[in-house]
C-alpha atoms as a PDB file:
ATOM      1  CA  UNK A   1      -8.024 -15.901  32.691  1.00  0.00           C
ATOM      2  CA  UNK A   2      -8.718 -12.441  34.099  1.00  0.00           C
ATOM      3  CA  UNK A   3      -6.610  -9.458  33.560  1.00  0.00           C
ATOM      4  CA  UNK A   4      -3.900  -8.577  35.836  1.00  0.00           C
ATOM      5  CA  UNK A   5      -3.517  -4.805  36.429  1.00  0.00           C
ATOM      6  CA  UNK A   6       0.166  -3.265  36.292  1.00  0.00           C
ATOM      7  CA  UNK A   7       1.532   0.296  36.046  1.00  0.00           C
ATOM      8  CA  UNK A   8       3.548   1.459  33.423  1.00  0.00           C
ATOM      9  CA  UNK A   9       6.632   1.456  35.874  1.00  0.00           C
ATOM     10  CA  UNK A  10       5.992  -2.264  36.664  1.00  0.00           C
ATOM     11  CA  UNK A  11       6.041  -2.752  32.782  1.00  0.00           C
ATOM     12  CA  UNK A  12       9.267  -0.945  32.198  1.00  0.00           C
ATOM     13  CA  UNK A  13      11.286  -2.294  35.076  1.00  0.00           C
ATOM     14  CA  UNK A  14       9.883  -5.852  34.723  1.00  0.00           C
ATOM     15  CA  UNK A  15       9.207  -6.512  31.034  1.00  0.00           C
ATOM     16  CA  UNK A  16      10.708 -10.074  30.643  1.00  0.00           C
ATOM     17  CA  UNK A  17       8.324 -11.261  33.341  1.00  0.00           C
ATOM     18  CA  UNK A  18       5.399 -10.009  31.829  1.00  0.00           C
ATOM     19  CA  UNK A  19       6.531 -11.202  28.434  1.00  0.00           C
ATOM     20  CA  UNK A  20       6.821 -14.389  29.644  1.00  0.00           C
ATOM     21  CA  UNK A  21       3.153 -14.010  31.089  1.00  0.00           C
ATOM     22  CA  UNK A  22       2.066 -13.051  27.565  1.00  0.00           C
ATOM     23  CA  UNK A  23       3.993 -16.028  26.107  1.00  0.00           C
ATOM     24  CA  UNK A  24       1.837 -18.449  28.526  1.00  0.00           C
ATOM     25  CA  UNK A  25      -1.845 -16.487  27.205  1.00  0.00           C
ATOM     26  CA  UNK A  26      -1.939 -14.086  30.097  1.00  0.00           C
ATOM     27  CA  UNK A  27      -3.469 -10.618  29.581  1.00  0.00           C
ATOM     28  CA  UNK A  28      -2.557  -7.454  31.253  1.00  0.00           C
ATOM     29  CA  UNK A  29      -4.206  -3.955  31.662  1.00  0.00           C
ATOM     30  CA  UNK A  30      -1.900  -1.164  31.692  1.00  0.00           C
ATOM     31  CA  UNK A  31      -2.561   1.719  34.311  1.00  0.00           C
ATOM     32  CA  UNK A  32      -1.286   5.075  33.859  1.00  0.00           C
ATOM     33  CA  UNK A  33      -1.923   7.579  36.390  1.00  0.00           C
ATOM     34  CA  UNK A  34      -4.298   5.848  37.940  1.00  0.00           C
ATOM     35  CA  UNK A  35      -6.680   4.797  34.796  1.00  0.00           C
ATOM     36  CA  UNK A  36      -6.535   2.013  32.558  1.00  0.00           C
ATOM     37  CA  UNK A  37      -4.523   3.109  29.487  1.00  0.00           C
ATOM     38  CA  UNK A  38      -4.313  -0.169  27.559  1.00  0.00           C
ATOM     39  CA  UNK A  39      -5.050  -3.874  27.246  1.00  0.00           C
ATOM     40  CA  UNK A  40      -1.970  -5.968  26.591  1.00  0.00           C
ATOM     41  CA  UNK A  41      -2.972  -9.479  25.068  1.00  0.00           C
ATOM     42  CA  UNK A  42      -0.982 -12.296  23.650  1.00  0.00           C
ATOM     43  CA  UNK A  43      -1.212 -12.192  19.717  1.00  0.00           C
ATOM     44  CA  UNK A  44      -2.567 -15.719  19.747  1.00  0.00           C
ATOM     45  CA  UNK A  45      -5.570 -14.509  21.516  1.00  0.00           C
ATOM     46  CA  UNK A  46      -6.103 -11.641  19.052  1.00  0.00           C
ATOM     47  CA  UNK A  47      -7.181 -11.649  15.190  1.00  0.00           C
ATOM     48  CA  UNK A  48      -6.133 -14.685  13.293  1.00  0.00           C
ATOM     49  CA  UNK A  49      -4.543 -13.674  10.137  1.00  0.00           C
ATOM     50  CA  UNK A  50      -5.075 -15.871   6.863  1.00  0.00           C
ATOM     51  CA  UNK A  51      -2.480 -17.237   4.743  1.00  0.00           C
ATOM     52  CA  UNK A  52      -3.833 -14.822   2.136  1.00  0.00           C
ATOM     53  CA  UNK A  53      -2.966 -11.675   4.441  1.00  0.00           C
ATOM     54  CA  UNK A  54       0.203 -12.867   5.417  1.00  0.00           C
ATOM     55  CA  UNK A  55       1.533 -13.428   1.376  1.00  0.00           C
ATOM     56  CA  UNK A  56      -0.033  -9.921   0.918  1.00  0.00           C
ATOM     57  CA  UNK A  57       2.606  -8.519   3.389  1.00  0.00           C
ATOM     58  CA  UNK A  58       5.382 -10.756   1.969  1.00  0.00           C
ATOM     59  CA  UNK A  59       4.636  -9.369  -1.537  1.00  0.00           C
ATOM     60  CA  UNK A  60       4.501  -5.875  -0.216  1.00  0.00           C
ATOM     61  CA  UNK A  61       7.641  -6.317   1.856  1.00  0.00           C
ATOM     62  CA  UNK A  62       9.334  -7.823  -1.097  1.00  0.00           C
ATOM     63  CA  UNK A  63       9.098  -4.870  -3.185  1.00  0.00           C
ATOM     64  CA  UNK A  64      10.916  -2.626  -1.181  1.00  0.00           C
ATOM     65  CA  UNK A  65      14.417  -2.337  -2.038  1.00  0.00           C
ATOM     66  CA  UNK A  66      16.621   0.685  -1.562  1.00  0.00           C
ATOM     67  CA  UNK A  67      19.982   0.249  -0.177  1.00  0.00           C
ATOM     68  CA  UNK A  68      21.790   2.254   2.344  1.00  0.00           C
ATOM     69  CA  UNK A  69      20.085   5.541   1.289  1.00  0.00           C
ATOM     70  CA  UNK A  70      16.751   4.350   2.102  1.00  0.00           C
ATOM     71  CA  UNK A  71      15.193   6.895   4.079  1.00  0.00           C
ATOM     72  CA  UNK A  72      11.657   6.727   5.711  1.00  0.00           C
ATOM     73  CA  UNK A  73      10.254   9.015   3.231  1.00  0.00           C
ATOM     74  CA  UNK A  74      11.575   6.979   0.343  1.00  0.00           C
ATOM     75  CA  UNK A  75      10.411   3.939   2.047  1.00  0.00           C
ATOM     76  CA  UNK A  76       6.704   5.294   2.246  1.00  0.00           C
ATOM     77  CA  UNK A  77       7.136   6.441  -1.485  1.00  0.00           C
ATOM     78  CA  UNK A  78       7.838   2.670  -2.441  1.00  0.00           C
ATOM     79  CA  UNK A  79       5.246   1.173  -0.236  1.00  0.00           C
ATOM     80  CA  UNK A  80       2.614   3.652  -1.602  1.00  0.00           C
ATOM     81  CA  UNK A  81       3.699   2.771  -5.147  1.00  0.00           C
ATOM     82  CA  UNK A  82       3.146  -1.007  -4.713  1.00  0.00           C
ATOM     83  CA  UNK A  83       0.343  -0.698  -2.427  1.00  0.00           C
ATOM     84  CA  UNK A  84      -2.500  -1.136  -4.958  1.00  0.00           C
ATOM     85  CA  UNK A  85      -0.466  -3.494  -7.128  1.00  0.00           C
ATOM     86  CA  UNK A  86      -0.794  -5.796  -3.801  1.00  0.00           C
ATOM     87  CA  UNK A  87      -4.218  -5.458  -3.053  1.00  0.00           C
ATOM     88  CA  UNK A  88      -5.691  -6.050  -6.649  1.00  0.00           C
END
């Protein structure tokens, strides 16, 4: 299936239509100021993540606790502290 070229404006105004196309396996090239900017492809045609990859993400996400006072800075600190544990 070949790419369909669309402008950023078209993407903004008709996102549900393009989302449906992505779900059907369609690929889009996004044009911004008359130049190709990005290729939008369905996740199913992208890299395949293994069960091990998904488990590492689950482990990392499961260690994050912080309640209502969790700020982006605190979240980054928590993730940094547990990142090495997950990868080892």
